[in-house]
Amino acid sequence: MPEISRDQVAHLAKLSRLALTEVELEQFAGQIDDIVGYVSAVQNVDAAGVEPMSHPHSIATTMREDVVHKTLDAAAALDQAPAVEDGRFMVPQILGEGD
């Protein structure tokens, strides 16, 4: 018995605002049901002892050393700003919102 019915596909099409013909509804129901079957088959594979991977190939990534560098403090960052208020940069209003 199929897991995905024609009515379920029609409901999803309506939610997605897709205009599907009766032939397409039947075709997609069959295709989606096949996909659900394939996923179920993969879930039944014994994966005990298989380490999860983030990439299908074993790759060595080279990362730079994480080194802490001196950065600007708030006063140094704001000392050249054209306008400052309450320790923050002042910028022109662009959305027309009031204070």
N, C-alpha and C. Protein backbone atom coordinates (compact mmCIF):
# COMPACT_ATOMS: atom_id res chain seq x y z
N MET A 1 0.85 -1.19 0.00
CA MET A 1 0.00 0.00 0.00
C MET A 1 0.88 1.24 0.00
N PRO A 2 0.59 2.18 -0.88
CA PRO A 2 1.43 3.38 -0.93
C PRO A 2 1.30 4.21 0.35
N GLU A 3 2.42 4.83 0.72
CA GLU A 3 2.42 5.68 1.92
C GLU A 3 1.97 7.10 1.59
N ILE A 4 2.18 7.53 0.37
CA ILE A 4 1.83 8.88 -0.06
C ILE A 4 0.66 8.78 -1.04
N SER A 5 -0.45 9.38 -0.68
CA SER A 5 -1.63 9.29 -1.54
C SER A 5 -1.69 10.47 -2.50
N ARG A 6 -2.54 10.31 -3.51
CA ARG A 6 -2.77 11.37 -4.48
C ARG A 6 -3.35 12.59 -3.77
N ASP A 7 -4.22 12.37 -2.77
CA ASP A 7 -4.82 13.48 -2.02
C ASP A 7 -3.78 14.25 -1.22
N GLN A 8 -2.79 13.55 -0.67
CA GLN A 8 -1.73 14.23 0.07
C GLN A 8 -0.90 15.10 -0.86
N VAL A 9 -0.62 14.58 -2.05
CA VAL A 9 0.14 15.37 -3.04
C VAL A 9 -0.69 16.58 -3.47
N ALA A 10 -1.99 16.40 -3.64
CA ALA A 10 -2.86 17.52 -4.01
C ALA A 10 -2.87 18.58 -2.90
N HIS A 11 -2.88 18.13 -1.66
CA HIS A 11 -2.86 19.08 -0.53
C HIS A 11 -1.54 19.85 -0.51
N LEU A 12 -0.43 19.15 -0.68
CA LEU A 12 0.88 19.83 -0.72
C LEU A 12 0.96 20.79 -1.90
N ALA A 13 0.42 20.40 -3.04
CA ALA A 13 0.42 21.27 -4.21
C ALA A 13 -0.38 22.53 -3.94
N LYS A 14 -1.52 22.38 -3.26
CA LYS A 14 -2.34 23.54 -2.93
C LYS A 14 -1.59 24.48 -1.99
N LEU A 15 -0.94 23.90 -0.95
CA LEU A 15 -0.17 24.73 -0.02
C LEU A 15 0.98 25.44 -0.72
N SER A 16 1.56 24.79 -1.72
CA SER A 16 2.68 25.36 -2.47
C SER A 16 2.23 26.23 -3.63
N ARG A 17 0.92 26.31 -3.80
CA ARG A 17 0.33 27.08 -4.90
C ARG A 17 0.81 26.60 -6.26
N LEU A 18 0.82 25.27 -6.40
CA LEU A 18 1.18 24.65 -7.66
C LEU A 18 -0.07 24.10 -8.32
N ALA A 19 -0.26 24.39 -9.58
CA ALA A 19 -1.39 23.86 -10.33
C ALA A 19 -0.93 22.58 -11.02
N LEU A 20 -1.39 21.44 -10.49
CA LEU A 20 -0.99 20.16 -11.05
C LEU A 20 -2.19 19.48 -11.69
N THR A 21 -1.95 18.80 -12.80
CA THR A 21 -3.01 18.03 -13.46
C THR A 21 -3.21 16.72 -12.70
N GLU A 22 -4.29 16.02 -13.03
CA GLU A 22 -4.56 14.71 -12.41
C GLU A 22 -3.43 13.73 -12.71
N VAL A 23 -2.91 13.79 -13.93
CA VAL A 23 -1.81 12.90 -14.32
C VAL A 23 -0.57 13.20 -13.48
N GLU A 24 -0.27 14.48 -13.29
CA GLU A 24 0.89 14.88 -12.48
C GLU A 24 0.72 14.47 -11.03
N LEU A 25 -0.50 14.61 -10.49
CA LEU A 25 -0.75 14.21 -9.10
C LEU A 25 -0.47 12.72 -8.92
N GLU A 26 -0.95 11.90 -9.84
CA GLU A 26 -0.71 10.45 -9.75
C GLU A 26 0.79 10.14 -9.93
N GLN A 27 1.42 10.81 -10.89
CA GLN A 27 2.84 10.58 -11.16
C GLN A 27 3.69 10.96 -9.95
N PHE A 28 3.44 12.15 -9.38
CA PHE A 28 4.23 12.61 -8.24
C PHE A 28 3.97 11.76 -7.00
N ALA A 29 2.75 11.31 -6.82
CA ALA A 29 2.45 10.44 -5.68
C ALA A 29 3.30 9.18 -5.76
N GLY A 30 3.39 8.60 -6.95
CA GLY A 30 4.22 7.40 -7.13
C GLY A 30 5.69 7.68 -6.91
N GLN A 31 6.16 8.80 -7.43
CA GLN A 31 7.57 9.14 -7.28
C GLN A 31 7.93 9.42 -5.83
N ILE A 32 7.07 10.17 -5.13
CA ILE A 32 7.34 10.46 -3.72
C ILE A 32 7.30 9.19 -2.90
N ASP A 33 6.37 8.30 -3.22
CA ASP A 33 6.29 7.02 -2.51
C ASP A 33 7.57 6.21 -2.74
N ASP A 34 8.11 6.23 -3.95
CA ASP A 34 9.38 5.55 -4.23
C ASP A 34 10.50 6.15 -3.39
N ILE A 35 10.54 7.47 -3.29
CA ILE A 35 11.59 8.14 -2.50
C ILE A 35 11.49 7.74 -1.04
N VAL A 36 10.27 7.70 -0.50
CA VAL A 36 10.08 7.28 0.89
C VAL A 36 10.59 5.85 1.07
N GLY A 37 10.35 5.01 0.09
CA GLY A 37 10.84 3.64 0.15
C GLY A 37 12.36 3.57 0.15
N TYR A 38 13.00 4.39 -0.67
CA TYR A 38 14.47 4.41 -0.73
C TYR A 38 15.06 4.88 0.61
N VAL A 39 14.45 5.91 1.19
CA VAL A 39 14.93 6.41 2.48
C VAL A 39 14.76 5.34 3.55
N SER A 40 13.64 4.63 3.52
CA SER A 40 13.41 3.55 4.49
C SER A 40 14.46 2.46 4.33
N ALA A 41 14.82 2.15 3.09
CA ALA A 41 15.83 1.12 2.85
C ALA A 41 17.19 1.55 3.40
N VAL A 42 17.53 2.82 3.25
CA VAL A 42 18.80 3.32 3.77
C VAL A 42 18.80 3.28 5.30
N GLN A 43 17.66 3.58 5.91
CA GLN A 43 17.57 3.57 7.37
C GLN A 43 17.73 2.17 7.93
N ASN A 44 17.48 1.14 7.13
CA ASN A 44 17.61 -0.24 7.60
C ASN A 44 19.04 -0.78 7.50
N VAL A 45 19.95 -0.02 6.94
CA VAL A 45 21.34 -0.45 6.81
C VAL A 45 21.99 -0.47 8.19
N ASP A 46 22.73 -1.54 8.48
CA ASP A 46 23.44 -1.64 9.75
C ASP A 46 24.67 -0.73 9.68
N ALA A 47 24.63 0.36 10.42
CA ALA A 47 25.73 1.32 10.40
C ALA A 47 26.50 1.30 11.71
N ALA A 48 26.36 0.23 12.46
CA ALA A 48 27.08 0.13 13.73
C ALA A 48 28.58 0.15 13.47
N GLY A 49 29.28 1.00 14.18
CA GLY A 49 30.73 1.10 14.03
C GLY A 49 31.18 2.00 12.90
N VAL A 50 30.25 2.58 12.17
CA VAL A 50 30.61 3.49 11.08
C VAL A 50 30.64 4.90 11.65
N GLU A 51 31.78 5.54 11.52
CA GLU A 51 31.93 6.89 12.06
C GLU A 51 31.21 7.90 11.17
N PRO A 52 30.41 8.79 11.76
CA PRO A 52 29.72 9.81 10.95
C PRO A 52 30.73 10.70 10.23
N MET A 53 30.35 11.14 9.02
CA MET A 53 31.24 11.98 8.22
C MET A 53 30.51 13.26 7.83
N SER A 54 31.26 14.33 7.69
CA SER A 54 30.68 15.58 7.21
C SER A 54 30.93 15.75 5.71
N HIS A 55 31.72 14.85 5.13
CA HIS A 55 32.11 14.95 3.74
C HIS A 55 32.28 13.53 3.21
N PRO A 56 31.88 13.26 1.97
CA PRO A 56 31.98 11.88 1.48
C PRO A 56 33.41 11.39 1.25
N HIS A 57 34.36 12.29 1.23
CA HIS A 57 35.75 11.90 1.03
C HIS A 57 36.55 12.27 2.27
N SER A 58 37.52 11.44 2.59
CA SER A 58 38.40 11.78 3.71
C SER A 58 39.33 12.89 3.24
N ILE A 59 39.20 14.04 3.84
CA ILE A 59 40.03 15.17 3.46
C ILE A 59 40.67 15.76 4.71
N ALA A 60 41.86 16.25 4.52
CA ALA A 60 42.53 16.93 5.62
C ALA A 60 42.38 18.43 5.39
N THR A 61 41.76 19.08 6.32
CA THR A 61 41.60 20.52 6.17
C THR A 61 42.73 21.22 6.89
N THR A 62 43.23 22.23 6.26
CA THR A 62 44.30 23.00 6.89
C THR A 62 43.71 24.28 7.45
N MET A 63 43.90 24.46 8.71
CA MET A 63 43.37 25.63 9.38
C MET A 63 44.55 26.43 9.91
N ARG A 64 44.40 27.73 9.88
CA ARG A 64 45.47 28.56 10.43
C ARG A 64 45.42 28.49 11.94
N GLU A 65 46.52 28.81 12.55
CA GLU A 65 46.61 28.84 14.00
C GLU A 65 45.69 29.93 14.54
N ASP A 66 44.96 29.63 15.58
CA ASP A 66 44.07 30.60 16.20
C ASP A 66 44.89 31.44 17.17
N VAL A 67 45.23 32.66 16.72
CA VAL A 67 46.10 33.52 17.51
C VAL A 67 45.32 34.77 17.92
N VAL A 68 45.43 35.14 19.18
CA VAL A 68 44.78 36.33 19.68
C VAL A 68 45.61 37.56 19.31
N HIS A 69 44.96 38.56 18.72
CA HIS A 69 45.63 39.80 18.35
C HIS A 69 45.00 40.94 19.13
N LYS A 70 45.75 41.99 19.34
CA LYS A 70 45.23 43.17 20.01
C LYS A 70 44.23 43.85 19.08
N THR A 71 43.09 44.23 19.64
CA THR A 71 42.06 44.91 18.86
C THR A 71 41.79 46.28 19.48
N LEU A 72 41.00 47.06 18.79
CA LEU A 72 40.65 48.39 19.29
C LEU A 72 39.69 48.27 20.46
N ASP A 73 39.88 49.13 21.45
CA ASP A 73 38.87 49.22 22.49
C ASP A 73 37.81 50.20 22.01
N ALA A 74 36.70 50.32 22.73
CA ALA A 74 35.58 51.16 22.29
C ALA A 74 36.01 52.61 22.08
N ALA A 75 36.80 53.14 22.99
CA ALA A 75 37.22 54.55 22.89
C ALA A 75 38.05 54.78 21.63
N ALA A 76 38.96 53.86 21.33
CA ALA A 76 39.80 54.01 20.14
C ALA A 76 38.97 53.86 18.86
N ALA A 77 37.97 53.00 18.87
CA ALA A 77 37.13 52.82 17.69
C ALA A 77 36.27 54.05 17.43
N LEU A 78 35.82 54.71 18.49
CA LEU A 78 34.92 55.85 18.35
C LEU A 78 35.63 57.20 18.20
N ASP A 79 36.93 57.26 18.46
CA ASP A 79 37.60 58.56 18.49
C ASP A 79 37.65 59.28 17.14
N GLN A 80 37.50 58.57 16.03
CA GLN A 80 37.51 59.20 14.71
C GLN A 80 36.13 59.25 14.07
N ALA A 81 35.11 58.82 14.79
CA ALA A 81 33.75 58.80 14.24
C ALA A 81 33.22 60.22 14.08
N PRO A 82 32.46 60.50 13.03
CA PRO A 82 31.91 61.84 12.84
C PRO A 82 30.90 62.21 13.92
N ALA A 83 30.17 61.23 14.45
CA ALA A 83 29.19 61.52 15.50
C ALA A 83 29.08 60.31 16.43
N VAL A 84 29.07 60.60 17.74
CA VAL A 84 29.00 59.55 18.75
C VAL A 84 27.98 59.96 19.80
N GLU A 85 27.19 59.00 20.27
CA GLU A 85 26.26 59.26 21.36
C GLU A 85 26.16 58.01 22.22
N ASP A 86 26.29 58.18 23.53
CA ASP A 86 26.20 57.08 24.49
C ASP A 86 27.16 55.94 24.15
N GLY A 87 28.34 56.27 23.68
CA GLY A 87 29.34 55.25 23.39
C GLY A 87 29.06 54.45 22.13
N ARG A 88 28.24 55.00 21.24
CA ARG A 88 27.91 54.31 19.99
C ARG A 88 28.03 55.26 18.80
N PHE A 89 28.24 54.69 17.61
CA PHE A 89 28.28 55.48 16.39
C PHE A 89 26.89 56.05 16.13
N MET A 90 26.83 57.29 15.71
CA MET A 90 25.58 57.91 15.28
C MET A 90 25.55 57.85 13.76
N VAL A 91 24.44 57.38 13.22
CA VAL A 91 24.28 57.29 11.78
C VAL A 91 22.98 57.96 11.38
N PRO A 92 22.87 58.41 10.13
CA PRO A 92 21.63 59.06 9.71
C PRO A 92 20.45 58.08 9.74
N GLN A 93 19.31 58.59 10.09
CA GLN A 93 18.08 57.79 10.11
C GLN A 93 17.70 57.49 8.68
N ILE A 94 17.36 56.24 8.37
CA ILE A 94 17.03 55.89 6.98
C ILE A 94 15.63 55.32 6.83
N LEU A 95 14.99 54.89 7.90
CA LEU A 95 13.69 54.25 7.78
C LEU A 95 12.53 55.17 8.15
N GLY A 96 12.82 56.39 8.50
CA GLY A 96 11.77 57.34 8.82
C GLY A 96 11.10 57.08 10.16
N GLU A 97 11.74 56.32 11.01
CA GLU A 97 11.18 56.03 12.32
C GLU A 97 11.48 57.16 13.28
N GLY A 98 10.56 57.42 14.19
CA GLY A 98 10.77 58.46 15.18
C GLY A 98 11.59 57.93 16.34
N ASP A 99 12.01 58.83 17.24
CA ASP A 99 12.81 58.42 18.38
C ASP A 99 12.02 57.67 19.38
